[in-house]
Amino acid sequence: MPARDFIGSYRLRSFELRYDDGGVEHPLGADAEGLIVYTREGFFSGQMMQRGRPKFAQARQSAAQKDFGSDAEIRAAFNGYVAYYCSYDVDEARRIVNHRIVSALMPNWEGQVNVRHYEFQGDVLVLRSPDVTVAGRVGRSVLHWQRCPVVYP
């Protein structure tokens, strides 16, 4: 599929880590939520979160506020959220979309390319990561994204 077929917004239906030994985990919980957007200008923005993350005892009122939250509150908020934006390109022959990360919640991702194998199943975009090793087990992330209906044609 050409890059123009990606254009739009998608809501997360499922995020699984599927291991070669048959095990399946839900890194952000079975009810994780998220949104990704592919623009016609060639940009991507994505966010996913674990539902039910604990609230901070005292809320941050402005991005200018730097010293807030306990270590435990910050750790839970950070570990339960994934976000980045990037440019993207599509290799139709290999059925790969490359996310060329500009900025991310995880600073180490900046400048990296996230390679994702893709498949469209009707209005669902399935993205699969290359093999990853987590706690000594080999697997891959599999994410199902439901295309959002167009509100403003």
C-alpha atoms as a PDB file:
ATOM      1  CA  MET A   1       0.000   0.000   0.000  1.00  0.00           C
ATOM      2  CA  PRO A   2       1.286   3.457  -0.801  1.00  0.00           C
ATOM      3  CA  ALA A   3       2.002   5.964   1.964  1.00  0.00           C
ATOM      4  CA  ARG A   4      -1.218   7.868   1.173  1.00  0.00           C
ATOM      5  CA  ASP A   5      -3.229   4.821   2.347  1.00  0.00           C
ATOM      6  CA  PHE A   6      -1.832   5.317   5.872  1.00  0.00           C
ATOM      7  CA  ILE A   7      -3.112   8.887   6.161  1.00  0.00           C
ATOM      8  CA  GLY A   8      -5.589   9.246   9.001  1.00  0.00           C
ATOM      9  CA  SER A   9      -6.109   8.638  12.700  1.00  0.00           C
ATOM     10  CA  TYR A  10      -6.327   5.261  14.445  1.00  0.00           C
ATOM     11  CA  ARG A  11      -7.431   4.160  17.928  1.00  0.00           C
ATOM     12  CA  LEU A  12      -5.643   1.290  19.656  1.00  0.00           C
ATOM     13  CA  ARG A  13      -7.604  -1.973  19.734  1.00  0.00           C
ATOM     14  CA  SER A  14      -4.855  -4.173  21.188  1.00  0.00           C
ATOM     15  CA  PHE A  15      -1.167  -4.164  22.100  1.00  0.00           C
ATOM     16  CA  GLU A  16       0.432  -7.551  22.641  1.00  0.00           C
ATOM     17  CA  LEU A  17       3.951  -8.849  23.050  1.00  0.00           C
ATOM     18  CA  ARG A  18       3.883 -12.291  21.450  1.00  0.00           C
ATOM     19  CA  TYR A  19       6.750 -14.584  22.388  1.00  0.00           C
ATOM     20  CA  ASP A  20       8.187 -17.409  20.279  1.00  0.00           C
ATOM     21  CA  ASP A  21       7.446 -19.809  23.165  1.00  0.00           C
ATOM     22  CA  GLY A  22       3.704 -19.082  22.747  1.00  0.00           C
ATOM     23  CA  GLY A  23       3.403 -16.659  25.650  1.00  0.00           C
ATOM     24  CA  VAL A  24       1.504 -13.394  25.265  1.00  0.00           C
ATOM     25  CA  GLU A  25       1.771 -10.288  27.438  1.00  0.00           C
ATOM     26  CA  HIS A  26      -0.020  -6.953  27.386  1.00  0.00           C
ATOM     27  CA  PRO A  27       2.770  -4.446  28.250  1.00  0.00           C
ATOM     28  CA  LEU A  28       0.301  -1.633  29.031  1.00  0.00           C
ATOM     29  CA  GLY A  29      -2.536  -3.867  30.186  1.00  0.00           C
ATOM     30  CA  ALA A  30      -5.236  -5.662  28.206  1.00  0.00           C
ATOM     31  CA  ASP A  31      -7.289  -2.448  28.120  1.00  0.00           C
ATOM     32  CA  ALA A  32      -4.536  -0.051  27.017  1.00  0.00           C
ATOM     33  CA  GLU A  33      -5.615   2.916  24.960  1.00  0.00           C
ATOM     34  CA  GLY A  34      -3.841   4.941  22.324  1.00  0.00           C
ATOM     35  CA  LEU A  35      -4.025   7.085  19.240  1.00  0.00           C
ATOM     36  CA  ILE A  36      -1.761   7.350  16.208  1.00  0.00           C
ATOM     37  CA  VAL A  37      -1.953   9.849  13.355  1.00  0.00           C
ATOM     38  CA  TYR A  38      -0.310   9.681   9.919  1.00  0.00           C
ATOM     39  CA  THR A  39      -0.395  13.014   8.071  1.00  0.00           C
ATOM     40  CA  ARG A  40      -0.241  13.720   4.344  1.00  0.00           C
ATOM     41  CA  GLU A  41       2.851  15.841   5.043  1.00  0.00           C
ATOM     42  CA  GLY A  42       4.743  12.683   6.067  1.00  0.00           C
ATOM     43  CA  PHE A  43       4.563  12.981   9.836  1.00  0.00           C
ATOM     44  CA  PHE A  44       3.441  10.489  12.472  1.00  0.00           C
ATOM     45  CA  SER A  45       2.449  11.070  16.076  1.00  0.00           C
ATOM     46  CA  GLY A  46       1.599   8.300  18.498  1.00  0.00           C
ATOM     47  CA  GLN A  47       0.647   7.833  22.118  1.00  0.00           C
ATOM     48  CA  MET A  48      -0.336   4.812  24.184  1.00  0.00           C
ATOM     49  CA  MET A  49      -1.129   4.543  27.855  1.00  0.00           C
ATOM     50  CA  GLN A  50      -1.991   2.109  30.580  1.00  0.00           C
ATOM     51  CA  ARG A  51      -5.424   2.783  32.026  1.00  0.00           C
ATOM     52  CA  GLY A  52      -5.698   3.356  35.747  1.00  0.00           C
ATOM     53  CA  ARG A  53      -2.289   4.947  36.258  1.00  0.00           C
ATOM     54  CA  PRO A  54      -2.242   6.418  39.774  1.00  0.00           C
ATOM     55  CA  LYS A  55      -2.912  10.130  39.987  1.00  0.00           C
ATOM     56  CA  PHE A  56      -0.351  12.465  41.530  1.00  0.00           C
ATOM     57  CA  ALA A  57      -1.087  13.720  45.048  1.00  0.00           C
ATOM     58  CA  GLN A  58      -0.631  17.245  43.713  1.00  0.00           C
ATOM     59  CA  ALA A  59      -1.178  18.026  40.024  1.00  0.00           C
ATOM     60  CA  ARG A  60       1.231  19.947  37.851  1.00  0.00           C
ATOM     61  CA  GLN A  61      -0.387  23.260  36.889  1.00  0.00           C
ATOM     62  CA  SER A  62       1.993  24.268  34.087  1.00  0.00           C
ATOM     63  CA  ALA A  63       4.786  22.823  31.929  1.00  0.00           C
ATOM     64  CA  ALA A  64       6.945  25.483  33.585  1.00  0.00           C
ATOM     65  CA  GLN A  65       6.630  23.603  36.906  1.00  0.00           C
ATOM     66  CA  LYS A  66       9.651  21.310  37.145  1.00  0.00           C
ATOM     67  CA  ASP A  67       9.700  20.006  40.699  1.00  0.00           C
ATOM     68  CA  PHE A  68       6.553  17.999  41.318  1.00  0.00           C
ATOM     69  CA  GLY A  69       5.555  14.417  42.073  1.00  0.00           C
ATOM     70  CA  SER A  70       7.185  11.755  44.175  1.00  0.00           C
ATOM     71  CA  ASP A  71       9.629   9.287  42.629  1.00  0.00           C
ATOM     72  CA  ALA A  72       6.937   6.575  42.743  1.00  0.00           C
ATOM     73  CA  GLU A  73       4.342   8.827  41.070  1.00  0.00           C
ATOM     74  CA  ILE A  74       6.758   9.836  38.306  1.00  0.00           C
ATOM     75  CA  ARG A  75       7.881   6.232  37.735  1.00  0.00           C
ATOM     76  CA  ALA A  76       4.295   4.958  37.407  1.00  0.00           C
ATOM     77  CA  ALA A  77       3.334   7.783  35.049  1.00  0.00           C
ATOM     78  CA  PHE A  78       6.428   7.307  32.863  1.00  0.00           C
ATOM     79  CA  ASN A  79       6.295   3.487  32.728  1.00  0.00           C
ATOM     80  CA  GLY A  80       2.610   3.547  31.798  1.00  0.00           C
ATOM     81  CA  TYR A  81       2.957   5.872  28.818  1.00  0.00           C
ATOM     82  CA  VAL A  82       4.600   5.730  25.382  1.00  0.00           C
ATOM     83  CA  ALA A  83       4.748   8.755  23.088  1.00  0.00           C
ATOM     84  CA  TYR A  84       6.764   9.954  20.119  1.00  0.00           C
ATOM     85  CA  TYR A  85       6.511  11.876  16.871  1.00  0.00           C
ATOM     86  CA  CYS A  86       8.475  11.401  13.695  1.00  0.00           C
ATOM     87  CA  SER A  87       8.570  11.471   9.938  1.00  0.00           C
ATOM     88  CA  TYR A  88       7.631   8.254   8.166  1.00  0.00           C
ATOM     89  CA  ASP A  89       8.110   6.502   4.859  1.00  0.00           C
ATOM     90  CA  VAL A  90       6.665   3.308   3.419  1.00  0.00           C
ATOM     91  CA  ASP A  91       8.512   0.479   1.653  1.00  0.00           C
ATOM     92  CA  GLU A  92       5.630  -1.151  -0.222  1.00  0.00           C
ATOM     93  CA  ALA A  93       7.697  -4.048  -1.587  1.00  0.00           C
ATOM     94  CA  ARG A  94       8.768  -5.155   1.913  1.00  0.00           C
ATOM     95  CA  ARG A  95       5.486  -4.051   3.595  1.00  0.00           C
ATOM     96  CA  ILE A  96       7.404  -1.918   6.068  1.00  0.00           C
ATOM     97  CA  VAL A  97       6.727   1.535   7.482  1.00  0.00           C
ATOM     98  CA  ASN A  98       9.765   3.342   8.930  1.00  0.00           C
ATOM     99  CA  HIS A  99       9.180   5.741  11.811  1.00  0.00           C
ATOM    100  CA  ARG A 100      12.164   8.148  11.894  1.00  0.00           C
ATOM    101  CA  ILE A 101      11.873   9.436  15.448  1.00  0.00           C
ATOM    102  CA  VAL A 102      12.332  13.163  16.029  1.00  0.00           C
ATOM    103  CA  SER A 103      11.233  13.410  19.679  1.00  0.00           C
ATOM    104  CA  ALA A 104      10.036  10.902  22.268  1.00  0.00           C
ATOM    105  CA  LEU A 105       9.102  10.521  25.906  1.00  0.00           C
ATOM    106  CA  MET A 106      12.054   8.067  25.996  1.00  0.00           C
ATOM    107  CA  PRO A 107      15.003  10.337  25.014  1.00  0.00           C
ATOM    108  CA  ASN A 108      17.107   7.357  23.857  1.00  0.00           C
ATOM    109  CA  TRP A 109      14.660   6.772  20.983  1.00  0.00           C
ATOM    110  CA  GLU A 110      15.363  10.162  19.414  1.00  0.00           C
ATOM    111  CA  GLY A 111      17.206   9.781  16.105  1.00  0.00           C
ATOM    112  CA  GLN A 112      16.330   6.073  15.828  1.00  0.00           C
ATOM    113  CA  VAL A 113      14.249   4.405  13.156  1.00  0.00           C
ATOM    114  CA  ASN A 114      11.425   2.154  14.372  1.00  0.00           C
ATOM    115  CA  VAL A 115      10.813  -0.390  11.625  1.00  0.00           C
ATOM    116  CA  ARG A 116       7.296  -1.819  11.593  1.00  0.00           C
ATOM    117  CA  HIS A 117       5.886  -4.530   9.356  1.00  0.00           C
ATOM    118  CA  TYR A 118       2.373  -3.560   8.357  1.00  0.00           C
ATOM    119  CA  GLU A 119      -0.797  -5.191   7.141  1.00  0.00           C
ATOM    120  CA  PHE A 120      -4.215  -3.691   6.514  1.00  0.00           C
ATOM    121  CA  GLN A 121      -7.195  -5.853   7.488  1.00  0.00           C
ATOM    122  CA  GLY A 122     -10.074  -3.706   6.268  1.00  0.00           C
ATOM    123  CA  ASP A 123     -10.124  -0.634   8.549  1.00  0.00           C
ATOM    124  CA  VAL A 124      -7.573  -2.153  10.926  1.00  0.00           C
ATOM    125  CA  LEU A 125      -3.861  -1.423  10.595  1.00  0.00           C
ATOM    126  CA  VAL A 126      -1.679  -4.148  12.121  1.00  0.00           C
ATOM    127  CA  LEU A 127       1.867  -3.099  13.029  1.00  0.00           C
ATOM    128  CA  ARG A 128       4.495  -5.667  14.049  1.00  0.00           C
ATOM    129  CA  SER A 129       7.948  -4.942  15.425  1.00  0.00           C
ATOM    130  CA  PRO A 130      11.034  -6.902  14.452  1.00  0.00           C
ATOM    131  CA  ASP A 131      12.119  -9.501  17.017  1.00  0.00           C
ATOM    132  CA  VAL A 132      12.859  -8.132  20.491  1.00  0.00           C
ATOM    133  CA  THR A 133      14.321  -9.856  23.535  1.00  0.00           C
ATOM    134  CA  VAL A 134      12.576  -9.144  26.834  1.00  0.00           C
ATOM    135  CA  ALA A 135      13.862 -10.845  29.993  1.00  0.00           C
ATOM    136  CA  GLY A 136      15.638 -13.467  27.875  1.00  0.00           C
ATOM    137  CA  ARG A 137      12.556 -14.289  25.755  1.00  0.00           C
ATOM    138  CA  VAL A 138      12.307 -13.516  22.037  1.00  0.00           C
ATOM    139  CA  GLY A 139       9.093 -12.094  20.642  1.00  0.00           C
ATOM    140  CA  ARG A 140       7.563  -9.157  18.840  1.00  0.00           C
ATOM    141  CA  SER A 141       5.051  -6.431  19.508  1.00  0.00           C
ATOM    142  CA  VAL A 142       1.768  -6.725  17.616  1.00  0.00           C
ATOM    143  CA  LEU A 143      -0.545  -3.717  17.625  1.00  0.00           C
ATOM    144  CA  HIS A 144      -4.014  -3.494  16.091  1.00  0.00           C
ATOM    145  CA  TRP A 145      -5.181   0.033  15.230  1.00  0.00           C
ATOM    146  CA  GLN A 146      -8.768   0.809  14.176  1.00  0.00           C
ATOM    147  CA  ARG A 147      -9.075   3.619  11.623  1.00  0.00           C
ATOM    148  CA  CYS A 148     -11.176   6.493  13.007  1.00  0.00           C
ATOM    149  CA  PRO A 149     -14.088   7.752  10.949  1.00  0.00           C
ATOM    150  CA  VAL A 150     -13.612  11.087   9.205  1.00  0.00           C
ATOM    151  CA  VAL A 151     -15.425  13.799  11.144  1.00  0.00           C
ATOM    152  CA  TYR A 152     -14.523  16.823   9.001  1.00  0.00           C
ATOM    153  CA  PRO A 153     -14.414  15.774   5.319  1.00  0.00           C
END
